[in-house]
Every structure is written in C-alpha cells, then in structure tokens.
Amino acid sequence: MPGVAAGAVEPRPFTLWFTGLSGAGKSTLAGESKQRLAMVGHACYVLDGDVLRTRLSSDLGFTPAHRSENVRRVAEVCRLMNDADLIVIAALISPNASDRALARGIVGAGGFVEVHLDADPAVCEQRVPQ
C-alpha cells in the first residue's frame, strides 16, 4: 500500500459499530472516521442505518424482532466487507445489547469495535427532523 513503510504490518480489517440515540451524531462521526482513515490509506466504507433501512431492510418494520433482524443483516454485510479487506463503519441505533452481541459474534469479537455515543436525549430530539 502506498505510504506504508517496508515491513510495516497492515491492520486487519475490522468493523467500527457506532450505536446511540437517533440524532446522537453516529452518521456524522462515521463520515469523519471514514475521511480520517482514508487520509492514511485505509480502504473503508460507511453503512448508515437510515440508508440501509430504505434498501437492505426496506421489508422490515420497527418491532423488536424486525430490529434484531436488521442488526443481523447489517452484521453479515460487515463481515462480508471485512472479508474483502475493507474497514467497515456501521452507524445504527441498535439499542439492544443482545442484538449488538449477536453482531459481534457474526463479525468476530476480535474485529468488532463498539462505540456508544451517549448524547443528551433533549439534544438528540432537537436534531432529528420531524
């Protein structure tokens, strides 16, 4: 890879999973993370929960079972993209710890970094378009 010193070890692809309330800044931070990783030569891709809900999971609603299935699908995509040597940045509300644990299991614990954005609910409410 250009810009990598001879003998340097390339990092193994991983999934950076941003979780938090709607309006917490997940998509914003995901985009910024992608830019910074790309600036140092890492191939990466952002999977945004809002976009995925209109494409990959357009058949799902917001019941607990549907939310779990959405997280499972996204985790499977993350794993496939990691297998293709991409760093994946996923930005999903994913409120249930059990769903995130499932995602970690699908991606692989060694390649899954979970970041919870703990934002004030009142601030999040102001940010979310009605």
N, C-alpha and C. Protein backbone atom coordinates (compact mmCIF):
# COMPACT_ATOMS: atom_id res chain seq x y z
N MET A 1 0.85 -1.18 0.00
CA MET A 1 0.00 0.00 0.00
C MET A 1 0.89 1.23 0.00
N PRO A 2 0.58 2.23 -0.82
CA PRO A 2 1.38 3.45 -0.84
C PRO A 2 1.40 4.12 0.52
N GLY A 3 2.56 4.59 0.91
CA GLY A 3 2.69 5.32 2.16
C GLY A 3 2.93 4.43 3.37
N VAL A 4 2.99 3.11 3.16
CA VAL A 4 3.27 2.19 4.25
C VAL A 4 4.73 1.78 4.16
N ALA A 5 5.43 1.93 5.25
CA ALA A 5 6.85 1.60 5.27
C ALA A 5 7.07 0.12 5.00
N ALA A 6 8.20 -0.18 4.36
CA ALA A 6 8.54 -1.57 4.08
C ALA A 6 8.59 -2.35 5.40
N GLY A 7 7.96 -3.49 5.42
CA GLY A 7 7.94 -4.33 6.61
C GLY A 7 6.85 -3.97 7.60
N ALA A 8 6.12 -2.88 7.34
CA ALA A 8 5.04 -2.49 8.25
C ALA A 8 3.89 -3.49 8.13
N VAL A 9 3.22 -3.73 9.21
CA VAL A 9 2.10 -4.66 9.22
C VAL A 9 0.81 -3.87 9.01
N GLU A 10 0.06 -4.26 8.00
CA GLU A 10 -1.22 -3.62 7.74
C GLU A 10 -2.23 -4.09 8.78
N PRO A 11 -3.07 -3.18 9.28
CA PRO A 11 -4.08 -3.61 10.25
C PRO A 11 -5.10 -4.53 9.59
N ARG A 12 -5.56 -5.49 10.36
CA ARG A 12 -6.59 -6.40 9.89
C ARG A 12 -7.89 -5.61 9.75
N PRO A 13 -8.67 -5.86 8.72
CA PRO A 13 -9.96 -5.16 8.58
C PRO A 13 -10.82 -5.40 9.81
N PHE A 14 -11.59 -4.41 10.17
CA PHE A 14 -12.44 -4.50 11.36
C PHE A 14 -13.73 -3.73 11.11
N THR A 15 -14.66 -3.88 12.03
CA THR A 15 -15.92 -3.14 11.99
C THR A 15 -15.98 -2.21 13.19
N LEU A 16 -16.20 -0.95 12.91
CA LEU A 16 -16.40 0.07 13.93
C LEU A 16 -17.91 0.31 13.98
N TRP A 17 -18.54 -0.07 15.09
CA TRP A 17 -20.00 -0.06 15.20
C TRP A 17 -20.42 1.07 16.13
N PHE A 18 -20.96 2.15 15.55
CA PHE A 18 -21.46 3.28 16.34
C PHE A 18 -22.92 3.02 16.70
N THR A 19 -23.25 3.16 17.97
CA THR A 19 -24.61 2.98 18.44
C THR A 19 -24.98 4.16 19.33
N GLY A 20 -26.27 4.45 19.39
CA GLY A 20 -26.75 5.56 20.22
C GLY A 20 -28.10 6.01 19.70
N LEU A 21 -28.65 6.97 20.40
CA LEU A 21 -29.96 7.51 20.03
C LEU A 21 -29.96 8.14 18.64
N SER A 22 -31.13 8.22 18.04
CA SER A 22 -31.28 8.97 16.81
C SER A 22 -30.90 10.42 17.10
N GLY A 23 -30.04 10.99 16.30
CA GLY A 23 -29.59 12.36 16.50
C GLY A 23 -28.36 12.49 17.37
N ALA A 24 -27.77 11.36 17.80
CA ALA A 24 -26.60 11.40 18.68
C ALA A 24 -25.31 11.77 17.94
N GLY A 25 -25.33 11.68 16.61
CA GLY A 25 -24.14 12.02 15.83
C GLY A 25 -23.44 10.82 15.22
N LYS A 26 -24.10 9.69 15.17
CA LYS A 26 -23.48 8.47 14.64
C LYS A 26 -23.05 8.64 13.19
N SER A 27 -23.94 9.13 12.35
CA SER A 27 -23.63 9.28 10.93
C SER A 27 -22.54 10.32 10.71
N THR A 28 -22.59 11.38 11.47
CA THR A 28 -21.57 12.43 11.35
C THR A 28 -20.20 11.89 11.74
N LEU A 29 -20.14 11.18 12.86
CA LEU A 29 -18.87 10.62 13.31
C LEU A 29 -18.39 9.52 12.36
N ALA A 30 -19.31 8.75 11.81
CA ALA A 30 -18.94 7.71 10.85
C ALA A 30 -18.29 8.33 9.61
N GLY A 31 -18.88 9.40 9.11
CA GLY A 31 -18.31 10.07 7.93
C GLY A 31 -16.94 10.66 8.22
N GLU A 32 -16.79 11.26 9.37
CA GLU A 32 -15.49 11.83 9.76
C GLU A 32 -14.45 10.72 9.94
N SER A 33 -14.85 9.62 10.54
CA SER A 33 -13.93 8.49 10.72
C SER A 33 -13.48 7.94 9.37
N LYS A 34 -14.41 7.84 8.44
CA LYS A 34 -14.06 7.35 7.11
C LYS A 34 -13.04 8.28 6.46
N GLN A 35 -13.26 9.57 6.54
CA GLN A 35 -12.33 10.53 5.94
C GLN A 35 -10.94 10.39 6.54
N ARG A 36 -10.87 10.30 7.85
CA ARG A 36 -9.56 10.20 8.52
C ARG A 36 -8.85 8.89 8.19
N LEU A 37 -9.59 7.80 8.16
CA LEU A 37 -8.98 6.52 7.80
C LEU A 37 -8.50 6.54 6.35
N ALA A 38 -9.29 7.11 5.46
CA ALA A 38 -8.91 7.19 4.05
C ALA A 38 -7.67 8.06 3.86
N MET A 39 -7.55 9.12 4.66
CA MET A 39 -6.38 10.01 4.55
C MET A 39 -5.07 9.28 4.85
N VAL A 40 -5.12 8.23 5.65
CA VAL A 40 -3.91 7.48 5.96
C VAL A 40 -3.84 6.17 5.17
N GLY A 41 -4.68 6.07 4.14
CA GLY A 41 -4.56 4.98 3.19
C GLY A 41 -5.37 3.72 3.47
N HIS A 42 -6.38 3.80 4.33
CA HIS A 42 -7.18 2.61 4.63
C HIS A 42 -8.46 2.61 3.79
N ALA A 43 -8.74 1.48 3.17
CA ALA A 43 -9.98 1.32 2.42
C ALA A 43 -11.11 1.05 3.41
N CYS A 44 -12.15 1.89 3.35
CA CYS A 44 -13.24 1.72 4.29
C CYS A 44 -14.56 2.13 3.66
N TYR A 45 -15.63 1.73 4.32
CA TYR A 45 -16.97 2.00 3.82
C TYR A 45 -17.90 2.25 5.00
N VAL A 46 -18.82 3.21 4.85
CA VAL A 46 -19.80 3.51 5.88
C VAL A 46 -21.12 2.84 5.54
N LEU A 47 -21.66 2.12 6.52
CA LEU A 47 -23.00 1.56 6.42
C LEU A 47 -23.88 2.36 7.38
N ASP A 48 -24.71 3.22 6.82
CA ASP A 48 -25.57 4.09 7.61
C ASP A 48 -26.94 3.44 7.80
N GLY A 49 -27.38 3.38 9.05
CA GLY A 49 -28.64 2.72 9.37
C GLY A 49 -29.83 3.27 8.62
N ASP A 50 -29.91 4.59 8.46
CA ASP A 50 -31.04 5.18 7.75
C ASP A 50 -31.07 4.75 6.29
N VAL A 51 -29.91 4.71 5.65
CA VAL A 51 -29.82 4.29 4.24
C VAL A 51 -30.16 2.81 4.13
N LEU A 52 -29.62 2.01 5.02
CA LEU A 52 -29.87 0.56 4.97
C LEU A 52 -31.34 0.23 5.18
N ARG A 53 -32.01 1.01 6.00
CA ARG A 53 -33.44 0.78 6.25
C ARG A 53 -34.26 1.00 4.98
N THR A 54 -33.81 1.85 4.07
CA THR A 54 -34.56 2.09 2.83
C THR A 54 -34.14 1.13 1.71
N ARG A 55 -33.06 0.39 1.92
CA ARG A 55 -32.57 -0.51 0.87
C ARG A 55 -32.54 -1.96 1.35
N LEU A 56 -31.54 -2.30 2.10
CA LEU A 56 -31.34 -3.68 2.55
C LEU A 56 -32.49 -4.20 3.40
N SER A 57 -33.04 -3.34 4.22
CA SER A 57 -34.08 -3.77 5.17
C SER A 57 -35.40 -3.05 4.96
N SER A 58 -35.71 -2.73 3.73
CA SER A 58 -36.96 -2.00 3.45
C SER A 58 -38.20 -2.83 3.76
N ASP A 59 -38.02 -4.13 3.89
CA ASP A 59 -39.15 -5.01 4.20
C ASP A 59 -39.41 -5.12 5.70
N LEU A 60 -38.59 -4.47 6.52
CA LEU A 60 -38.71 -4.60 7.97
C LEU A 60 -39.37 -3.38 8.60
N GLY A 61 -40.08 -3.62 9.67
CA GLY A 61 -40.65 -2.54 10.47
C GLY A 61 -39.76 -2.26 11.67
N PHE A 62 -40.37 -1.86 12.77
CA PHE A 62 -39.60 -1.47 13.95
C PHE A 62 -40.00 -2.27 15.18
N THR A 63 -40.57 -3.46 14.96
CA THR A 63 -40.84 -4.34 16.09
C THR A 63 -39.50 -4.84 16.63
N PRO A 64 -39.48 -5.35 17.85
CA PRO A 64 -38.21 -5.89 18.37
C PRO A 64 -37.61 -6.97 17.46
N ALA A 65 -38.44 -7.84 16.92
CA ALA A 65 -37.93 -8.89 16.02
C ALA A 65 -37.36 -8.30 14.74
N HIS A 66 -38.00 -7.29 14.19
CA HIS A 66 -37.51 -6.66 12.97
C HIS A 66 -36.23 -5.88 13.24
N ARG A 67 -36.15 -5.22 14.38
CA ARG A 67 -34.92 -4.50 14.74
C ARG A 67 -33.75 -5.48 14.85
N SER A 68 -34.00 -6.62 15.47
CA SER A 68 -32.97 -7.65 15.59
C SER A 68 -32.53 -8.16 14.23
N GLU A 69 -33.48 -8.39 13.36
CA GLU A 69 -33.16 -8.88 12.01
C GLU A 69 -32.37 -7.83 11.24
N ASN A 70 -32.68 -6.57 11.40
CA ASN A 70 -31.93 -5.51 10.73
C ASN A 70 -30.47 -5.53 11.19
N VAL A 71 -30.25 -5.61 12.48
CA VAL A 71 -28.89 -5.66 13.02
C VAL A 71 -28.16 -6.89 12.50
N ARG A 72 -28.85 -8.04 12.47
CA ARG A 72 -28.22 -9.26 11.96
C ARG A 72 -27.78 -9.09 10.51
N ARG A 73 -28.66 -8.53 9.68
CA ARG A 73 -28.32 -8.32 8.27
C ARG A 73 -27.11 -7.40 8.12
N VAL A 74 -27.12 -6.31 8.86
CA VAL A 74 -26.01 -5.36 8.76
C VAL A 74 -24.71 -6.03 9.21
N ALA A 75 -24.76 -6.81 10.27
CA ALA A 75 -23.56 -7.50 10.73
C ALA A 75 -23.03 -8.47 9.67
N GLU A 76 -23.93 -9.15 8.99
CA GLU A 76 -23.50 -10.06 7.91
C GLU A 76 -22.80 -9.29 6.79
N VAL A 77 -23.34 -8.13 6.44
CA VAL A 77 -22.70 -7.29 5.42
C VAL A 77 -21.33 -6.83 5.91
N CYS A 78 -21.26 -6.43 7.17
CA CYS A 78 -19.97 -6.01 7.73
C CYS A 78 -18.94 -7.13 7.60
N ARG A 79 -19.34 -8.34 7.95
CA ARG A 79 -18.41 -9.46 7.86
C ARG A 79 -17.94 -9.69 6.42
N LEU A 80 -18.88 -9.65 5.49
CA LEU A 80 -18.50 -9.83 4.08
C LEU A 80 -17.52 -8.75 3.63
N MET A 81 -17.78 -7.53 4.03
CA MET A 81 -16.90 -6.42 3.63
C MET A 81 -15.55 -6.52 4.32
N ASN A 82 -15.52 -6.95 5.59
CA ASN A 82 -14.25 -7.18 6.26
C ASN A 82 -13.47 -8.28 5.55
N ASP A 83 -14.18 -9.33 5.11
CA ASP A 83 -13.53 -10.42 4.36
C ASP A 83 -12.93 -9.92 3.05
N ALA A 84 -13.47 -8.81 2.53
CA ALA A 84 -12.95 -8.20 1.31
C ALA A 84 -11.89 -7.14 1.62
N ASP A 85 -11.36 -7.17 2.85
CA ASP A 85 -10.29 -6.27 3.30
C ASP A 85 -10.70 -4.82 3.44
N LEU A 86 -11.97 -4.58 3.74
CA LEU A 86 -12.44 -3.22 3.99
C LEU A 86 -12.68 -3.01 5.47
N ILE A 87 -12.34 -1.84 5.96
CA ILE A 87 -12.75 -1.43 7.29
C ILE A 87 -14.18 -0.93 7.13
N VAL A 88 -15.08 -1.39 7.98
CA VAL A 88 -16.48 -1.01 7.88
C VAL A 88 -16.84 -0.16 9.09
N ILE A 89 -17.54 0.93 8.82
CA ILE A 89 -18.02 1.81 9.87
C ILE A 89 -19.55 1.76 9.80
N ALA A 90 -20.15 1.12 10.79
CA ALA A 90 -21.60 0.97 10.82
C ALA A 90 -22.18 1.96 11.82
N ALA A 91 -23.22 2.65 11.42
CA ALA A 91 -23.88 3.64 12.28
C ALA A 91 -25.35 3.27 12.39
N LEU A 92 -25.69 2.60 13.49
CA LEU A 92 -27.07 2.12 13.71
C LEU A 92 -27.50 2.43 15.14
N ILE A 93 -28.76 2.72 15.31
CA ILE A 93 -29.27 2.95 16.66
C ILE A 93 -29.01 1.72 17.53
N SER A 94 -29.35 0.56 17.07
CA SER A 94 -29.11 -0.75 17.72
C SER A 94 -29.15 -0.69 19.25
N PRO A 95 -30.35 -0.44 19.83
CA PRO A 95 -30.44 -0.21 21.27
C PRO A 95 -30.29 -1.44 22.15
N ASN A 96 -30.46 -2.63 21.61
CA ASN A 96 -30.45 -3.83 22.43
C ASN A 96 -29.07 -4.47 22.51
N ALA A 97 -28.61 -4.65 23.74
CA ALA A 97 -27.29 -5.26 23.96
C ALA A 97 -27.22 -6.65 23.34
N SER A 98 -28.32 -7.39 23.38
CA SER A 98 -28.31 -8.74 22.81
C SER A 98 -28.12 -8.70 21.29
N ASP A 99 -28.68 -7.71 20.64
CA ASP A 99 -28.50 -7.57 19.18
C ASP A 99 -27.05 -7.21 18.86
N ARG A 100 -26.47 -6.31 19.66
CA ARG A 100 -25.07 -5.94 19.43
C ARG A 100 -24.14 -7.12 19.71
N ALA A 101 -24.49 -7.93 20.69
CA ALA A 101 -23.70 -9.14 20.97
C ALA A 101 -23.79 -10.10 19.78
N LEU A 102 -24.97 -10.22 19.20
CA LEU A 102 -25.12 -11.05 18.00
C LEU A 102 -24.25 -10.51 16.88
N ALA A 103 -24.27 -9.20 16.68
CA ALA A 103 -23.45 -8.58 15.63
C ALA A 103 -21.97 -8.86 15.88
N ARG A 104 -21.54 -8.72 17.13
CA ARG A 104 -20.15 -9.01 17.48
C ARG A 104 -19.80 -10.46 17.15
N GLY A 105 -20.72 -11.37 17.43
CA GLY A 105 -20.49 -12.78 17.12
C GLY A 105 -20.39 -13.05 15.63
N ILE A 106 -21.19 -12.37 14.85
CA ILE A 106 -21.17 -12.55 13.40
C ILE A 106 -19.89 -11.99 12.80
N VAL A 107 -19.54 -10.78 13.20
CA VAL A 107 -18.34 -10.13 12.66
C VAL A 107 -17.09 -10.81 13.19
N GLY A 108 -17.12 -11.21 14.44
CA GLY A 108 -15.96 -11.79 15.10
C GLY A 108 -15.47 -10.82 16.17
N ALA A 109 -15.39 -11.31 17.39
CA ALA A 109 -15.07 -10.43 18.52
C ALA A 109 -13.78 -9.65 18.33
N GLY A 110 -12.79 -10.25 17.70
CA GLY A 110 -11.51 -9.57 17.50
C GLY A 110 -11.54 -8.47 16.48
N GLY A 111 -12.62 -8.41 15.69
CA GLY A 111 -12.71 -7.40 14.65
C GLY A 111 -13.90 -6.48 14.80
N PHE A 112 -14.42 -6.38 16.01
CA PHE A 112 -15.64 -5.61 16.25
C PHE A 112 -15.36 -4.61 17.36
N VAL A 113 -15.47 -3.32 17.02
CA VAL A 113 -15.27 -2.26 18.00
C VAL A 113 -16.58 -1.51 18.15
N GLU A 114 -17.16 -1.59 19.34
CA GLU A 114 -18.44 -0.94 19.60
C GLU A 114 -18.20 0.39 20.30
N VAL A 115 -18.84 1.45 19.78
CA VAL A 115 -18.74 2.77 20.38
C VAL A 115 -20.15 3.30 20.60
N HIS A 116 -20.48 3.53 21.87
CA HIS A 116 -21.79 4.08 22.20
C HIS A 116 -21.67 5.59 22.32
N LEU A 117 -22.47 6.32 21.55
CA LEU A 117 -22.49 7.77 21.63
C LEU A 117 -23.58 8.16 22.63
N ASP A 118 -23.15 8.62 23.78
CA ASP A 118 -24.05 8.95 24.87
C ASP A 118 -24.39 10.43 24.81
N ALA A 119 -25.42 10.75 24.07
CA ALA A 119 -25.83 12.14 23.89
C ALA A 119 -27.09 12.42 24.70
N ASP A 120 -27.25 13.65 25.10
CA ASP A 120 -28.41 14.09 25.86
C ASP A 120 -29.67 13.88 25.00
N PRO A 121 -30.67 13.16 25.50
CA PRO A 121 -31.89 12.92 24.72
C PRO A 121 -32.57 14.20 24.23
N ALA A 122 -32.54 15.25 25.03
CA ALA A 122 -33.18 16.52 24.61
C ALA A 122 -32.45 17.11 23.40
N VAL A 123 -31.14 17.00 23.39
CA VAL A 123 -30.36 17.50 22.25
C VAL A 123 -30.64 16.64 21.02
N CYS A 124 -30.69 15.34 21.19
CA CYS A 124 -30.98 14.44 20.07
C CYS A 124 -32.34 14.75 19.46
N GLU A 125 -33.32 14.98 20.33
CA GLU A 125 -34.67 15.29 19.86
C GLU A 125 -34.69 16.54 18.99
N GLN A 126 -33.88 17.53 19.35
CA GLN A 126 -33.81 18.77 18.57
C GLN A 126 -33.16 18.54 17.21
N ARG A 127 -32.25 17.59 17.13
CA ARG A 127 -31.51 17.33 15.90
C ARG A 127 -32.30 16.53 14.87
N VAL A 128 -33.21 15.70 15.34
CA VAL A 128 -33.93 14.78 14.45
C VAL A 128 -35.05 15.53 13.75
N PRO A 129 -35.06 15.51 12.41
CA PRO A 129 -36.15 16.18 11.67
C PRO A 129 -37.48 15.47 11.95
N GLN A 130 -38.52 16.26 12.09
CA GLN A 130 -39.86 15.71 12.36
C GLN A 130 -40.58 15.38 11.09
